[in-house]
Amino acid sequence: MRNRLIAYNPCEDIRVPKRRKQDTDEQVVARDVFRHKLLPAVPDRYRGLVAVAGGAGLRWGEAAGLCADAVDLDAGRLRVIRTVVEVSGHTRFKGYPKSTAGRRTIPMPGWLVDILRDHTERYGYGEADMLFANRVGGAHRRTLFRARQWRPSLVRAGLLGTVTRDGEQWVGAWTDENGKRHSVRYATEEVAVIQVARHQAGGLRYHDLRHSYATWLVDVGVPPNMVQRVMGHERASTTLDLYTRRTDDADRILRALDDDD
């Protein structure tokens, strides 16, 4: 229409069905489960990469793109100044975050500082001083990390399917996408974990740790404008719409209304 090649827009008056919103209430992990079940189940080399999602609310690309110049362990601060993007199985740096608000400084809790300090002492830095480099020094690929590290860690943490020992064998049990229950015996625990991680439907996503982080902040009463800032949202309304409805701490309502007099 702008080039006057057609007389009218054929898409006018077409009603597009609303996109169905998924129920993600179950995709918020409790703080104690994250700290004391999930993190210990993640292999040492990858624990920091998981920790920054739940301890600082980073997106995958922001976490994968962290470099030495963006992390100040002594001050307990990290900065989001670049990201890693993955296209057709290849990763590359993008010298800026998702939006202007995405460029931000985030305070780190002491336990996260300890995890990152331990990580740097054990594994050092990769190419371009990347904090979380793969074994050949490059950036992690999200798809491989999900299959090889993330989902098996969920299984080991008891958050995805089940793996139990039965004599000399290990029993892996899972529910597929059609709701059918499966139970198979394996010779080793490692094989059982891999199979359950591969076949179990659903499960917590890496990005859900970012949602969980924001929900925890809201639950303890951190002001929305501060949550907005550390989450890297352009508008506070985005923060309110996404996370104030996620909190299930009903006791906060009662505490606000109780009259001790």
Protein backbone atom coordinates (compact mmCIF):
# COMPACT_ATOMS: atom_id res chain seq x y z
CA MET A 1 0.00 0.00 0.00
CA ARG A 2 2.84 2.39 0.79
CA ASN A 3 4.30 1.85 -2.66
CA ARG A 4 0.80 2.07 -4.21
CA LEU A 5 1.14 -1.38 -5.73
CA ILE A 6 -2.19 -2.51 -4.28
CA ALA A 7 -5.34 -0.52 -3.74
CA TYR A 8 -6.23 -1.76 -0.28
CA ASN A 9 -4.89 -3.87 2.57
CA PRO A 10 -6.34 -7.43 2.28
CA CYS A 11 -5.68 -7.99 6.00
CA GLU A 12 -8.14 -5.33 7.10
CA ASP A 13 -11.16 -6.52 9.10
CA ILE A 14 -9.53 -9.90 9.75
CA ARG A 15 -9.85 -10.83 13.42
CA VAL A 16 -6.80 -12.71 14.65
CA PRO A 17 -7.58 -15.12 17.51
CA LYS A 18 -6.04 -14.13 20.81
CA ARG A 19 -2.89 -15.96 21.71
CA ARG A 20 -3.61 -18.45 24.46
CA LYS A 21 -1.71 -17.68 27.63
CA GLN A 22 -0.03 -20.65 29.24
CA ASP A 23 -0.54 -21.34 32.92
CA THR A 24 2.90 -20.79 34.39
CA ASP A 25 2.02 -20.80 38.09
CA GLU A 26 3.87 -24.06 38.57
CA GLN A 27 6.95 -22.64 36.88
CA VAL A 28 8.01 -20.61 39.91
CA VAL A 29 10.39 -22.56 42.12
CA ALA A 30 10.57 -21.91 45.86
CA ARG A 31 13.72 -20.21 47.13
CA ASP A 32 14.73 -23.06 49.43
CA VAL A 33 14.18 -25.62 46.67
CA PHE A 34 16.36 -23.59 44.30
CA ARG A 35 19.15 -23.06 46.83
CA HIS A 36 19.22 -26.42 48.57
CA LYS A 37 17.94 -28.90 45.97
CA LEU A 38 18.47 -27.60 42.46
CA LEU A 39 21.84 -25.84 42.77
CA PRO A 40 23.56 -28.78 44.51
CA ALA A 41 22.28 -31.07 41.75
CA VAL A 42 23.95 -29.00 39.01
CA PRO A 43 27.50 -30.10 38.09
CA ASP A 44 30.18 -27.78 39.51
CA ARG A 45 31.22 -26.36 36.15
CA TYR A 46 27.68 -25.19 35.36
CA ARG A 47 26.42 -24.23 38.81
CA GLY A 48 27.33 -20.58 38.42
CA LEU A 49 25.46 -20.34 35.12
CA VAL A 50 22.31 -21.54 36.87
CA ALA A 51 22.96 -19.46 39.99
CA VAL A 52 23.00 -16.10 38.17
CA ALA A 53 19.51 -16.77 36.77
CA GLY A 54 18.00 -17.39 40.21
CA GLY A 55 20.31 -15.05 42.14
CA ALA A 56 20.33 -12.06 39.78
CA GLY A 57 17.40 -12.65 37.41
CA LEU A 58 19.50 -12.84 34.25
CA ARG A 59 18.16 -14.02 30.91
CA TRP A 60 20.04 -16.88 29.25
CA GLY A 61 21.86 -14.62 26.77
CA GLU A 62 22.82 -12.19 29.53
CA ALA A 63 24.22 -14.99 31.69
CA ALA A 64 26.09 -16.64 28.83
CA GLY A 65 27.55 -13.26 27.85
CA LEU A 66 28.98 -12.34 31.24
CA CYS A 67 32.65 -11.41 31.05
CA ALA A 68 35.26 -10.46 33.61
CA ASP A 69 34.69 -6.74 33.13
CA ALA A 70 31.02 -7.11 34.11
CA VAL A 71 31.52 -8.93 37.41
CA ASP A 72 32.88 -7.29 40.58
CA LEU A 73 33.02 -10.02 43.21
CA ASP A 74 34.56 -7.77 45.85
CA ALA A 75 31.74 -5.24 45.56
CA GLY A 76 29.09 -7.94 45.07
CA ARG A 77 27.81 -6.40 41.84
CA LEU A 78 27.41 -7.56 38.27
CA ARG A 79 26.57 -5.51 35.19
CA VAL A 80 24.56 -6.54 32.16
CA ILE A 81 26.29 -4.88 29.23
CA ARG A 82 26.25 -7.53 26.47
CA THR A 83 24.54 -10.77 25.52
CA VAL A 84 25.21 -13.93 23.57
CA VAL A 85 22.82 -14.88 20.77
CA GLU A 86 22.53 -18.28 19.10
CA VAL A 87 21.58 -18.62 15.46
CA SER A 88 21.54 -21.95 13.58
CA GLY A 89 23.75 -23.59 16.17
CA HIS A 90 26.34 -20.81 16.24
CA THR A 91 26.87 -18.31 19.04
CA ARG A 92 28.11 -14.74 18.85
CA PHE A 93 28.39 -11.73 21.12
CA LYS A 94 25.96 -8.85 20.81
CA GLY A 95 27.47 -5.73 22.32
CA TYR A 96 24.28 -4.56 23.99
CA PRO A 97 21.39 -6.13 25.95
CA LYS A 98 17.79 -6.67 24.87
CA SER A 99 16.77 -3.05 25.52
CA THR A 100 18.12 0.21 26.94
CA ALA A 101 16.75 -0.72 30.35
CA GLY A 102 18.48 -4.07 30.01
CA ARG A 103 21.83 -2.39 30.60
CA ARG A 104 21.83 -2.48 34.38
CA THR A 105 23.77 -3.17 37.57
CA ILE A 106 22.51 -5.87 39.92
CA PRO A 107 23.55 -6.52 43.54
CA MET A 108 24.50 -10.13 44.24
CA PRO A 109 23.66 -12.04 47.43
CA GLY A 110 26.62 -13.45 49.32
CA TRP A 111 25.92 -17.05 48.33
CA LEU A 112 26.03 -16.11 44.64
CA VAL A 113 29.33 -14.28 45.09
CA ASP A 114 30.76 -17.41 46.72
CA ILE A 115 29.62 -19.61 43.82
CA LEU A 116 31.09 -17.27 41.20
CA ARG A 117 34.35 -16.88 43.10
CA ASP A 118 34.70 -20.65 43.33
CA HIS A 119 33.90 -20.95 39.63
CA THR A 120 36.59 -18.48 38.57
CA GLU A 121 39.18 -20.16 40.79
CA ARG A 122 38.41 -23.59 39.34
CA TYR A 123 37.79 -22.87 35.69
CA GLY A 124 39.13 -19.38 34.98
CA TYR A 125 37.83 -17.43 31.98
CA GLY A 126 37.27 -18.36 28.34
CA GLU A 127 37.51 -16.45 25.09
CA ALA A 128 37.03 -12.69 25.48
CA ASP A 129 37.28 -13.27 29.26
CA MET A 130 33.92 -15.05 29.33
CA LEU A 131 32.92 -16.11 32.83
CA PHE A 132 30.99 -19.19 31.70
CA ALA A 133 32.90 -20.75 28.83
CA ASN A 134 32.40 -24.27 27.52
CA ARG A 135 35.23 -26.80 27.55
CA VAL A 136 36.83 -25.35 24.41
CA GLY A 137 36.60 -21.77 25.69
CA GLY A 138 33.57 -20.61 23.69
CA ALA A 139 30.06 -19.59 24.65
CA HIS A 140 27.56 -22.21 25.75
CA ARG A 141 24.82 -23.19 23.32
CA ARG A 142 21.43 -23.02 24.98
CA THR A 143 20.06 -26.11 23.27
CA LEU A 144 22.98 -28.30 24.30
CA PHE A 145 23.00 -26.94 27.84
CA ARG A 146 19.30 -27.69 28.21
CA ALA A 147 19.66 -31.31 27.10
CA ARG A 148 22.99 -32.18 28.70
CA GLN A 149 23.01 -30.19 31.94
CA TRP A 150 19.74 -28.44 32.78
CA ARG A 151 17.17 -31.23 32.50
CA PRO A 152 19.40 -33.94 34.03
CA SER A 153 19.98 -31.57 36.96
CA LEU A 154 16.23 -31.25 37.42
CA VAL A 155 15.96 -35.04 37.56
CA ARG A 156 18.76 -35.31 40.14
CA ALA A 157 17.07 -32.59 42.20
CA GLY A 158 13.78 -34.49 42.23
CA LEU A 159 12.04 -31.84 40.10
CA LEU A 160 11.55 -33.90 36.95
CA GLY A 161 10.37 -37.50 36.84
CA THR A 162 11.90 -39.97 39.32
CA VAL A 163 14.97 -42.15 39.51
CA THR A 164 15.11 -44.77 42.29
CA ARG A 165 17.43 -47.63 43.09
CA ASP A 166 16.13 -51.19 43.09
CA GLY A 167 18.86 -53.64 44.01
CA GLU A 168 21.59 -53.49 41.39
CA GLN A 169 19.45 -51.50 38.95
CA TRP A 170 17.96 -48.04 38.68
CA VAL A 171 14.31 -47.40 37.85
CA GLY A 172 13.51 -44.33 35.79
CA ALA A 173 9.89 -43.19 35.70
CA TRP A 174 8.34 -40.40 33.67
CA THR A 175 5.11 -39.14 32.14
CA ASP A 176 5.07 -38.39 28.42
CA GLU A 177 3.24 -35.59 26.58
CA ASN A 178 0.12 -37.73 26.29
CA GLY A 179 -0.05 -38.31 30.03
CA LYS A 180 1.10 -41.92 29.80
CA ARG A 181 3.26 -43.17 32.65
CA HIS A 182 6.47 -45.10 31.89
CA SER A 183 8.83 -47.03 34.15
CA VAL A 184 12.05 -48.59 32.84
CA ARG A 185 15.01 -50.29 34.54
CA TYR A 186 18.58 -49.24 33.75
CA ALA A 187 22.00 -50.55 34.67
CA THR A 188 23.33 -47.23 35.98
CA GLU A 189 21.92 -44.13 37.60
CA GLU A 190 23.51 -41.89 34.97
CA VAL A 191 21.68 -43.62 32.12
CA ALA A 192 18.40 -43.53 34.06
CA VAL A 193 18.76 -39.78 34.68
CA ILE A 194 19.49 -39.08 31.02
CA GLN A 195 16.50 -41.09 29.82
CA VAL A 196 14.08 -39.48 32.27
CA ALA A 197 15.38 -36.02 31.34
CA ARG A 198 14.88 -36.83 27.67
CA HIS A 199 11.38 -38.26 27.89
CA GLN A 200 9.60 -36.51 30.77
CA ALA A 201 7.14 -33.90 29.52
CA GLY A 202 7.24 -30.31 30.79
CA GLY A 203 9.51 -29.29 33.60
CA LEU A 204 11.04 -26.10 34.94
CA ARG A 205 12.73 -23.97 32.29
CA TYR A 206 15.95 -22.02 32.72
CA HIS A 207 14.03 -18.80 32.08
CA ASP A 208 11.66 -19.70 34.92
CA LEU A 209 14.49 -18.93 37.35
CA ARG A 210 14.29 -15.30 36.21
CA HIS A 211 10.54 -15.35 36.90
CA SER A 212 11.17 -16.94 40.28
CA TYR A 213 13.76 -14.30 41.18
CA ALA A 214 11.31 -11.47 40.49
CA THR A 215 8.53 -13.26 42.37
CA TRP A 216 10.75 -13.67 45.44
CA LEU A 217 11.52 -9.94 45.39
CA VAL A 218 7.83 -9.08 45.19
CA ASP A 219 7.00 -11.55 47.96
CA VAL A 220 9.32 -9.83 50.44
CA GLY A 221 7.99 -6.40 49.57
CA VAL A 222 10.71 -4.94 47.33
CA PRO A 223 9.15 -1.85 45.63
CA PRO A 224 8.05 -2.45 42.00
CA ASN A 225 10.34 0.28 40.66
CA MET A 226 13.36 -1.46 42.19
CA VAL A 227 12.25 -4.83 40.80
CA GLN A 228 11.79 -3.17 37.42
CA ARG A 229 15.33 -1.82 37.52
CA VAL A 230 17.10 -5.10 38.33
CA MET A 231 14.90 -7.02 35.88
CA GLY A 232 15.73 -4.62 33.04
CA HIS A 233 12.13 -3.77 32.14
CA GLU A 234 11.38 -0.61 30.19
CA ARG A 235 8.15 0.02 32.13
CA ALA A 236 7.09 -0.67 35.69
CA SER A 237 3.72 -1.82 34.35
CA THR A 238 5.48 -4.80 32.76
CA THR A 239 6.90 -5.77 36.13
CA LEU A 240 3.54 -5.37 37.85
CA ASP A 241 1.66 -7.33 35.19
CA LEU A 242 4.13 -10.21 35.15
CA TYR A 243 5.04 -10.69 38.77
CA THR A 244 2.63 -9.18 41.24
CA ARG A 245 0.05 -11.75 40.20
CA ARG A 246 2.57 -14.57 40.66
CA THR A 247 3.07 -14.07 44.37
CA ASP A 248 1.16 -16.51 46.54
CA ASP A 249 2.24 -15.11 49.89
CA ALA A 250 -1.29 -14.49 51.20
CA ASP A 251 0.07 -13.84 54.68
CA ARG A 252 1.32 -10.47 53.46
CA ILE A 253 -2.29 -9.39 53.01
CA LEU A 254 -3.14 -10.49 56.54
CA ARG A 255 -0.07 -8.79 57.99
CA ALA A 256 -1.06 -5.57 56.28
CA LEU A 257 -4.59 -5.69 57.72
CA ASP A 258 -3.96 -7.02 61.21
CA ASP A 259 -4.47 -4.43 63.96
CA ASP A 260 -2.29 -5.16 66.96
CA ASP A 261 -3.96 -2.40 68.94
